[in-house]
Amino acid sequence: MPNQLVWNDQRDTVLRTMREKAHSWDVIARAIGISRWAAIERARAIGAHIPLPPRTPRQPDASNREPLPAGHPLAWQILTHGTLLAGAAYPDPPLPPEEEE
């Protein structure tokens, strides 16, 4: 029967520190002297993870810009992407508005 692994503050600190520096699970396991899966499970239990990089917006904030006019190429492409109209030109002139009776 294998010996039961006893976790202590020193091992937890090594695991957290190495994971924050983005070391692989194999390297961490070798440094602590345990199996890879034991390191992974302990990291899940104590919440050790690689910090996420700061988020950067992909496009500038457009919340206060004027809406695009009807038939604008970008708006038309967004509306028709993945449909049968994808790649079709915007109907020019636009269809007349329906008259109310």
Protein backbone atom coordinates (compact mmCIF):
# COMPACT_ATOMS: atom_id res chain seq x y z
CA MET A 1 0.00 0.00 0.00
CA PRO A 2 1.47 3.42 -0.96
CA ASN A 3 2.30 5.95 1.70
CA GLN A 4 -0.27 8.67 2.19
CA LEU A 5 0.97 12.08 1.11
CA VAL A 6 0.86 14.71 3.84
CA TRP A 7 0.42 18.24 2.57
CA ASN A 8 1.93 21.08 4.55
CA ASP A 9 2.28 24.85 4.17
CA GLN A 10 5.73 24.53 2.62
CA ARG A 11 4.54 22.22 -0.18
CA ASP A 12 1.45 24.38 -0.77
CA THR A 13 3.63 27.50 -1.02
CA VAL A 14 5.96 25.85 -3.53
CA LEU A 15 2.99 24.67 -5.59
CA ARG A 16 1.33 28.12 -5.57
CA THR A 17 4.56 29.97 -6.38
CA MET A 18 5.53 27.68 -9.25
CA ARG A 19 2.02 27.72 -10.71
CA GLU A 20 1.89 31.53 -10.58
CA LYS A 21 5.13 31.52 -12.59
CA ALA A 22 3.38 29.23 -15.15
CA HIS A 23 5.56 26.17 -14.59
CA SER A 24 4.19 22.94 -16.06
CA TRP A 25 2.58 20.31 -13.86
CA ASP A 26 5.47 17.91 -14.53
CA VAL A 27 8.06 20.41 -13.30
CA ILE A 28 6.01 21.23 -10.20
CA ALA A 29 5.50 17.55 -9.38
CA ARG A 30 9.23 16.81 -9.68
CA ALA A 31 10.10 19.79 -7.45
CA ILE A 32 7.73 18.62 -4.71
CA GLY A 33 8.41 14.91 -5.21
CA ILE A 34 4.87 13.81 -6.05
CA SER A 35 2.93 12.60 -9.06
CA ARG A 36 1.62 15.02 -11.68
CA TRP A 37 -2.01 14.22 -10.86
CA ALA A 38 -1.43 14.72 -7.13
CA ALA A 39 -0.09 18.21 -7.91
CA ILE A 40 -3.06 19.01 -10.15
CA GLU A 41 -5.62 17.84 -7.60
CA ARG A 42 -3.94 19.72 -4.75
CA ALA A 43 -3.81 22.89 -6.86
CA ARG A 44 -7.54 22.57 -7.51
CA ALA A 45 -8.17 22.09 -3.80
CA ILE A 46 -6.20 25.18 -2.72
CA GLY A 47 -7.08 27.35 -5.73
CA ALA A 48 -3.59 27.65 -7.20
CA HIS A 49 -3.76 28.73 -10.82
CA ILE A 50 -1.95 30.73 -13.47
CA PRO A 51 -3.10 34.35 -13.24
CA LEU A 52 -5.04 35.53 -16.27
CA PRO A 53 -3.49 38.29 -18.36
CA PRO A 54 -5.22 41.66 -18.16
CA ARG A 55 -8.06 42.02 -20.64
CA THR A 56 -7.68 44.51 -23.43
CA PRO A 57 -10.62 45.62 -25.51
CA ARG A 58 -10.48 44.44 -29.11
CA GLN A 59 -12.18 47.52 -30.48
CA PRO A 60 -12.50 51.03 -29.15
CA ASP A 61 -15.57 51.82 -27.13
CA ALA A 62 -18.34 52.65 -29.59
CA SER A 63 -21.12 53.18 -27.08
CA ASN A 64 -21.40 56.89 -27.76
CA ARG A 65 -21.09 56.92 -31.57
CA GLU A 66 -23.94 57.53 -33.96
CA PRO A 67 -25.62 54.42 -35.39
CA LEU A 68 -24.59 53.33 -38.86
CA PRO A 69 -27.02 54.37 -41.61
CA ALA A 70 -29.16 51.78 -43.36
CA GLY A 71 -27.19 50.08 -46.09
CA HIS A 72 -23.78 50.80 -44.59
CA PRO A 73 -21.44 48.02 -45.81
CA LEU A 74 -20.34 47.04 -42.30
CA ALA A 75 -23.88 46.92 -40.93
CA TRP A 76 -25.09 44.95 -43.96
CA GLN A 77 -22.22 42.45 -43.60
CA ILE A 78 -23.00 41.93 -39.91
CA LEU A 79 -26.68 41.37 -40.64
CA THR A 80 -26.17 38.95 -43.52
CA HIS A 81 -23.13 36.96 -42.31
CA GLY A 82 -23.92 33.24 -42.33
CA THR A 83 -27.17 33.66 -44.26
CA LEU A 84 -28.14 33.20 -47.88
CA LEU A 85 -27.61 36.92 -48.36
CA ALA A 86 -23.93 36.78 -47.30
CA GLY A 87 -21.87 38.56 -49.92
CA ALA A 88 -24.93 40.03 -51.64
CA ALA A 89 -25.04 43.76 -52.21
CA TYR A 90 -27.42 45.92 -50.23
CA PRO A 91 -30.57 46.59 -52.28
CA ASP A 92 -30.02 50.07 -53.64
CA PRO A 93 -32.19 52.08 -53.56
CA PRO A 94 -33.66 50.77 -50.34
CA LEU A 95 -37.15 49.37 -50.45
CA PRO A 96 -39.78 52.06 -49.95
CA PRO A 97 -41.49 52.06 -46.55
CA GLU A 98 -44.86 50.39 -46.43
CA GLU A 99 -47.72 52.84 -46.49
CA GLU A 100 -50.32 52.65 -43.78
CA GLU A 101 -53.90 52.44 -44.92
